[in-house]
Amino acid sequence: MNLRQIEAFRAVMTAGTVRGAAELLRISEPAVSKLLALAERRAGIRLFDRVKGRLVPTPEARALHQEVGFLWQRVERVRDTLQSLANPTSSSLSLSVSPSLVRLVPPVVNQLYAQIPALNCRVTVTAPSELVAEVAEGGTDIGIALAPPAHPGLIEVARYQCGLVCVMPAGHKLARRRVVRKADLDGHRLITIERTSGVLEQAFAGLAVSMELRSGPIACWFVQAGVGVALVDAATMAGESDASLVARPFQPSPAIEVLVLRHAARPLSRTAERFCRLFDAMWKKRLP
């Protein structure tokens, strides 16, 4: 499959229809259909079943789409580079961020735009294991990950630590405590973040967990809905201004690693270095 055929395949997977893909690519529907047919012929597999006039992705297509996602991040990176070369007064930056840390990024990006008005910034939010793969594949400049797995092809730009906090609705009886301990959680429906590391596995051992969610922000949504109280990383609540939620330190709490990562063979650009300095200042202000 050539790049144009892959682009057509990705557009159909994204839009769900040939018409939608044609609108995304700004070409005709027959042109999209022709590209898909060529892609299937070149790949030697059926990518879509035609069911009542609709295209239904095959299992092979779904597996291919995941790999195409990584490839397309590289393609977008090439486009960003070409744009920067064509317009030297601008700059580009791509970031991948763990869901629990996403609240920390917008203020830093805002400061960066104040310094580089012509900045072209792309931010993706993804699980730590997938984030590590994206940085290692060269699909993103900087990864900011909560408790990520180790990877030999990555270099730590910075390392931070945070603990766990217990999040509850304002007015909850646990909010009267200065700290929350394991015994205090008895009788409360408990929500936690995923046990993505041995540190979290140990921290949650022995707790009666009713719900385990992928990230701290999602856990907080369930707390807001009254489902229960949540144990999340402190970074989730850093700078949180929602008066409906209260966070109290959880003890004993492990030190959860937060790493800023880059590709081992790719030094950071000046823009990326500037972002890292701003992020460092923001972290030290919000999570001293």
Protein backbone atom coordinates (compact mmCIF):
# COMPACT_ATOMS: atom_id res chain seq x y z
CA MET A 1 0.00 0.00 0.00
CA ASN A 2 1.33 3.42 -0.89
CA LEU A 3 0.85 6.50 1.26
CA ARG A 4 -2.18 7.76 -0.69
CA GLN A 5 -3.95 4.41 -0.32
CA ILE A 6 -3.16 4.36 3.39
CA GLU A 7 -4.53 7.90 3.67
CA ALA A 8 -7.78 6.81 2.00
CA PHE A 9 -8.05 3.77 4.28
CA ARG A 10 -7.48 5.94 7.36
CA ALA A 11 -10.07 8.47 6.18
CA VAL A 12 -12.72 5.77 5.73
CA MET A 13 -11.96 4.33 9.17
CA THR A 14 -12.21 7.81 10.68
CA ALA A 15 -15.34 8.96 8.85
CA GLY A 16 -17.10 5.60 8.71
CA THR A 17 -18.30 6.12 5.12
CA VAL A 18 -16.86 6.67 1.65
CA ARG A 19 -18.75 9.97 1.44
CA GLY A 20 -17.27 11.17 4.71
CA ALA A 21 -13.79 10.07 3.62
CA ALA A 22 -14.20 11.94 0.33
CA GLU A 23 -15.08 15.11 2.24
CA LEU A 24 -12.04 14.70 4.51
CA LEU A 25 -9.71 14.16 1.56
CA ARG A 26 -11.51 16.65 -0.71
CA ILE A 27 -11.74 14.17 -3.55
CA SER A 28 -14.66 12.36 -5.19
CA GLU A 29 -16.34 9.26 -3.77
CA PRO A 30 -15.33 7.14 -6.80
CA ALA A 31 -11.73 8.20 -6.25
CA VAL A 32 -11.92 6.99 -2.62
CA SER A 33 -13.48 3.69 -3.71
CA LYS A 34 -10.72 3.20 -6.29
CA LEU A 35 -8.01 3.88 -3.70
CA LEU A 36 -9.62 1.36 -1.32
CA ALA A 37 -9.79 -1.29 -4.03
CA LEU A 38 -6.14 -0.73 -4.89
CA ALA A 39 -5.23 -0.88 -1.19
CA GLU A 40 -7.00 -4.22 -0.75
CA ARG A 41 -5.36 -5.60 -3.88
CA ARG A 42 -1.92 -4.41 -2.79
CA ALA A 43 -2.37 -5.70 0.77
CA GLY A 44 -3.81 -9.02 -0.34
CA ILE A 45 -6.54 -8.93 2.31
CA ARG A 46 -10.16 -7.77 2.49
CA LEU A 47 -10.36 -4.58 4.51
CA PHE A 48 -14.11 -3.96 4.43
CA ASP A 49 -17.27 -6.00 4.09
CA ARG A 50 -20.07 -4.40 2.11
CA VAL A 51 -23.24 -4.78 4.21
CA LYS A 52 -26.42 -3.13 2.93
CA GLY A 53 -24.46 -0.45 1.16
CA ARG A 54 -22.24 0.25 4.17
CA LEU A 55 -18.56 -0.48 4.69
CA VAL A 56 -17.90 -2.59 7.77
CA PRO A 57 -14.22 -2.91 8.76
CA THR A 58 -12.90 -6.46 8.98
CA PRO A 59 -10.84 -7.56 12.01
CA GLU A 60 -7.76 -7.24 9.78
CA ALA A 61 -8.70 -3.63 9.01
CA ARG A 62 -9.05 -2.80 12.71
CA ALA A 63 -5.63 -4.26 13.45
CA LEU A 64 -4.11 -2.37 10.51
CA HIS A 65 -5.77 0.88 11.61
CA GLN A 66 -3.92 0.82 14.93
CA GLU A 67 -0.57 0.57 13.14
CA VAL A 68 -1.58 3.21 10.63
CA GLY A 69 -2.21 5.55 13.57
CA PHE A 70 1.46 5.35 14.57
CA LEU A 71 2.53 5.81 10.94
CA TRP A 72 0.30 8.84 10.50
CA GLN A 73 1.83 10.57 13.48
CA ARG A 74 5.14 10.32 11.64
CA VAL A 75 3.53 11.69 8.48
CA GLU A 76 2.13 14.65 10.41
CA ARG A 77 5.53 15.20 11.95
CA VAL A 78 7.04 15.41 8.42
CA ARG A 79 4.37 17.93 7.47
CA ASP A 80 5.13 19.99 10.57
CA THR A 81 8.83 19.93 9.70
CA LEU A 82 8.16 21.05 6.13
CA GLN A 83 6.00 23.88 7.44
CA SER A 84 8.75 24.99 9.80
CA LEU A 85 11.34 24.90 7.01
CA ALA A 86 9.08 26.88 4.71
CA ASN A 87 8.31 29.43 7.42
CA PRO A 88 11.32 29.82 9.73
CA THR A 89 9.50 32.32 11.95
CA SER A 90 7.19 29.55 13.16
CA SER A 91 7.88 26.46 15.25
CA SER A 92 6.21 23.14 15.91
CA LEU A 93 5.89 20.88 18.91
CA SER A 94 4.16 17.55 19.41
CA LEU A 95 3.33 16.24 22.87
CA SER A 96 1.93 12.96 24.18
CA VAL A 97 0.49 13.08 27.68
CA SER A 98 -0.89 10.51 30.12
CA PRO A 99 -4.60 11.17 30.85
CA SER A 100 -3.98 11.88 34.54
CA LEU A 101 -1.54 14.67 33.65
CA VAL A 102 -3.57 16.40 30.97
CA ARG A 103 -4.71 19.25 33.25
CA LEU A 104 -1.11 20.37 33.68
CA VAL A 105 -0.39 20.89 30.01
CA PRO A 106 -2.77 23.67 28.79
CA PRO A 107 -1.34 26.41 31.08
CA VAL A 108 2.18 25.55 29.93
CA VAL A 109 1.18 25.54 26.26
CA ASN A 110 -0.54 28.89 26.79
CA GLN A 111 2.72 30.36 28.14
CA LEU A 112 4.58 28.87 25.18
CA TYR A 113 2.18 30.53 22.72
CA ALA A 114 2.80 33.84 24.47
CA GLN A 115 6.50 33.41 23.69
CA ILE A 116 6.07 31.84 20.22
CA PRO A 117 2.84 33.18 18.67
CA ALA A 118 3.39 31.25 15.43
CA LEU A 119 3.74 27.93 17.26
CA ASN A 120 2.04 24.89 15.77
CA CYS A 121 1.34 22.54 18.68
CA ARG A 122 -0.19 19.06 18.60
CA VAL A 123 -1.17 17.27 21.81
CA THR A 124 -2.35 13.67 22.10
CA VAL A 125 -3.63 12.03 25.28
CA THR A 126 -2.81 8.35 25.57
CA ALA A 127 -2.06 5.57 28.06
CA PRO A 128 1.54 5.39 29.38
CA SER A 129 2.45 2.19 27.51
CA GLU A 130 1.18 3.58 24.20
CA LEU A 131 2.83 6.92 24.93
CA VAL A 132 6.22 5.26 25.36
CA ALA A 133 5.77 3.52 22.00
CA GLU A 134 4.87 6.82 20.30
CA VAL A 135 8.00 8.58 21.58
CA ALA A 136 10.18 5.57 20.72
CA GLU A 137 8.73 5.47 17.19
CA GLY A 138 9.51 9.16 16.75
CA GLY A 139 5.87 10.13 16.43
CA THR A 140 6.04 12.79 19.12
CA ASP A 141 8.69 15.18 20.46
CA ILE A 142 7.99 14.88 24.18
CA GLY A 143 6.12 12.34 26.28
CA ILE A 144 4.85 13.21 29.76
CA ALA A 145 3.93 9.94 31.40
CA LEU A 146 2.58 8.73 34.72
CA ALA A 147 4.43 5.58 35.88
CA PRO A 148 5.49 4.53 32.37
CA PRO A 149 7.20 1.24 31.53
CA ALA A 150 10.94 1.42 30.89
CA HIS A 151 12.20 1.64 27.31
CA PRO A 152 15.87 1.48 26.22
CA GLY A 153 15.32 3.92 23.35
CA LEU A 154 14.15 6.80 25.54
CA ILE A 155 15.90 9.39 27.67
CA GLU A 156 14.46 11.06 30.74
CA VAL A 157 14.44 14.82 30.34
CA ALA A 158 13.02 15.27 33.84
CA ARG A 159 11.66 13.13 36.67
CA TYR A 160 9.03 14.16 39.20
CA GLN A 161 7.10 12.42 41.94
CA CYS A 162 3.64 12.77 43.38
CA GLY A 163 1.56 10.86 45.90
CA LEU A 164 -2.03 9.68 46.03
CA VAL A 165 -4.99 11.78 47.12
CA CYS A 166 -8.50 10.79 48.08
CA VAL A 167 -11.11 12.73 46.09
CA MET A 168 -14.65 13.16 47.41
CA PRO A 169 -17.62 15.48 46.98
CA ALA A 170 -17.49 18.72 48.96
CA GLY A 171 -19.32 18.18 52.23
CA HIS A 172 -18.41 14.49 52.39
CA LYS A 173 -17.57 13.37 55.93
CA LEU A 174 -14.04 12.37 54.85
CA ALA A 175 -13.46 15.99 53.84
CA ARG A 176 -13.22 16.89 57.51
CA ARG A 177 -10.00 14.90 57.79
CA ARG A 178 -6.56 16.39 57.10
CA VAL A 179 -5.40 13.06 55.67
CA VAL A 180 -7.24 9.88 54.67
CA ARG A 181 -5.94 6.43 55.63
CA LYS A 182 -6.90 2.95 54.47
CA ALA A 183 -9.06 2.31 57.53
CA ASP A 184 -11.04 5.49 56.79
CA LEU A 185 -12.22 4.02 53.49
CA ASP A 186 -14.17 1.19 55.10
CA GLY A 187 -17.83 1.47 54.20
CA HIS A 188 -17.21 3.75 51.22
CA ARG A 189 -17.49 2.71 47.59
CA LEU A 190 -13.94 3.06 46.30
CA ILE A 191 -12.81 4.08 42.81
CA THR A 192 -9.16 3.86 41.79
CA ILE A 193 -6.97 4.49 38.78
CA GLU A 194 -5.56 1.50 36.89
CA ARG A 195 -2.70 -0.41 38.53
CA THR A 196 -0.25 0.37 35.75
CA SER A 197 2.82 -0.14 37.94
CA GLY A 198 3.99 -2.25 40.86
CA VAL A 199 3.87 0.88 43.03
CA LEU A 200 0.15 1.32 42.44
CA GLU A 201 -0.47 -2.40 42.79
CA GLN A 202 1.11 -2.31 46.23
CA ALA A 203 -0.68 0.91 47.23
CA PHE A 204 -4.12 -0.54 46.45
CA ALA A 205 -3.44 -4.00 47.90
CA GLY A 206 -5.97 -4.96 50.54
CA LEU A 207 -8.47 -2.27 49.52
CA ALA A 208 -12.03 -3.18 48.54
CA VAL A 209 -12.02 -1.52 45.12
CA SER A 210 -15.42 -1.28 43.43
CA MET A 211 -14.33 0.44 40.22
CA GLU A 212 -10.98 0.79 38.44
CA LEU A 213 -10.66 3.45 35.74
CA ARG A 214 -8.02 4.39 33.23
CA SER A 215 -7.19 7.84 34.59
CA GLY A 216 -7.64 10.25 37.47
CA PRO A 217 -9.83 12.77 35.61
CA ILE A 218 -12.27 10.03 34.62
CA ALA A 219 -12.39 8.79 38.22
CA CYS A 220 -13.24 12.34 39.32
CA TRP A 221 -16.21 12.43 36.94
CA PHE A 222 -17.62 9.39 38.72
CA VAL A 223 -17.02 11.03 42.09
CA GLN A 224 -18.95 14.08 40.87
CA ALA A 225 -21.82 11.79 39.89
CA GLY A 226 -21.94 10.45 43.45
CA VAL A 227 -20.67 6.95 42.66
CA GLY A 228 -18.09 6.95 45.46
CA VAL A 229 -14.72 8.34 46.55
CA ALA A 230 -11.56 7.94 44.49
CA LEU A 231 -7.85 7.37 45.00
CA VAL A 232 -5.96 9.17 42.24
CA ASP A 233 -2.51 10.62 41.69
CA ALA A 234 -2.06 14.12 43.11
CA ALA A 235 -1.24 15.49 39.64
CA THR A 236 -4.86 14.88 38.64
CA MET A 237 -6.03 17.48 41.14
CA ALA A 238 -3.17 19.96 40.72
CA GLY A 239 -4.72 23.35 40.15
CA GLU A 240 -8.23 21.88 40.23
CA SER A 241 -10.76 24.69 40.66
CA ASP A 242 -13.97 22.65 40.77
CA ALA A 243 -15.59 23.57 44.10
CA SER A 244 -17.72 20.41 43.98
CA LEU A 245 -14.71 18.19 44.73
CA VAL A 246 -12.29 18.01 47.64
CA ALA A 247 -8.94 16.21 47.74
CA ARG A 248 -7.13 15.03 50.86
CA PRO A 249 -3.67 13.39 51.02
CA PHE A 250 -3.82 9.61 51.25
CA GLN A 251 -1.46 7.88 53.66
CA PRO A 252 0.55 5.80 53.43
CA SER A 253 1.13 6.93 49.85
CA PRO A 254 3.79 5.67 47.45
CA ALA A 255 5.92 7.98 45.35
CA ILE A 256 4.47 7.79 41.83
CA GLU A 257 6.94 8.64 39.08
CA VAL A 258 6.09 11.22 36.43
CA LEU A 259 8.65 11.27 33.60
CA VAL A 260 9.26 13.71 30.76
CA LEU A 261 10.69 11.59 27.94
CA ARG A 262 12.33 12.07 24.55
CA HIS A 263 13.80 9.84 21.86
CA ALA A 264 17.37 8.84 22.74
CA ALA A 265 18.72 9.70 19.29
CA ARG A 266 16.88 13.01 18.91
CA PRO A 267 17.95 16.02 20.95
CA LEU A 268 15.14 18.39 21.84
CA SER A 269 14.48 21.44 19.71
CA ARG A 270 14.74 24.87 21.29
CA THR A 271 10.95 25.01 21.41
CA ALA A 272 10.77 21.64 23.17
CA GLU A 273 13.45 22.72 25.64
CA ARG A 274 11.48 25.88 26.37
CA PHE A 275 8.36 23.80 26.99
CA CYS A 276 10.26 21.59 29.43
CA ARG A 277 11.49 24.61 31.39
CA LEU A 278 7.97 26.02 31.61
CA PHE A 279 6.58 22.63 32.64
CA ASP A 280 9.23 22.31 35.33
CA ALA A 281 8.32 25.74 36.76
CA MET A 282 4.61 24.90 36.68
CA TRP A 283 5.15 21.54 38.43
CA LYS A 284 7.21 23.10 41.20
CA LYS A 285 4.50 25.71 41.72
CA ARG A 286 1.51 23.33 41.77
CA LEU A 287 3.11 20.22 43.25
CA PRO A 288 5.98 21.44 45.46
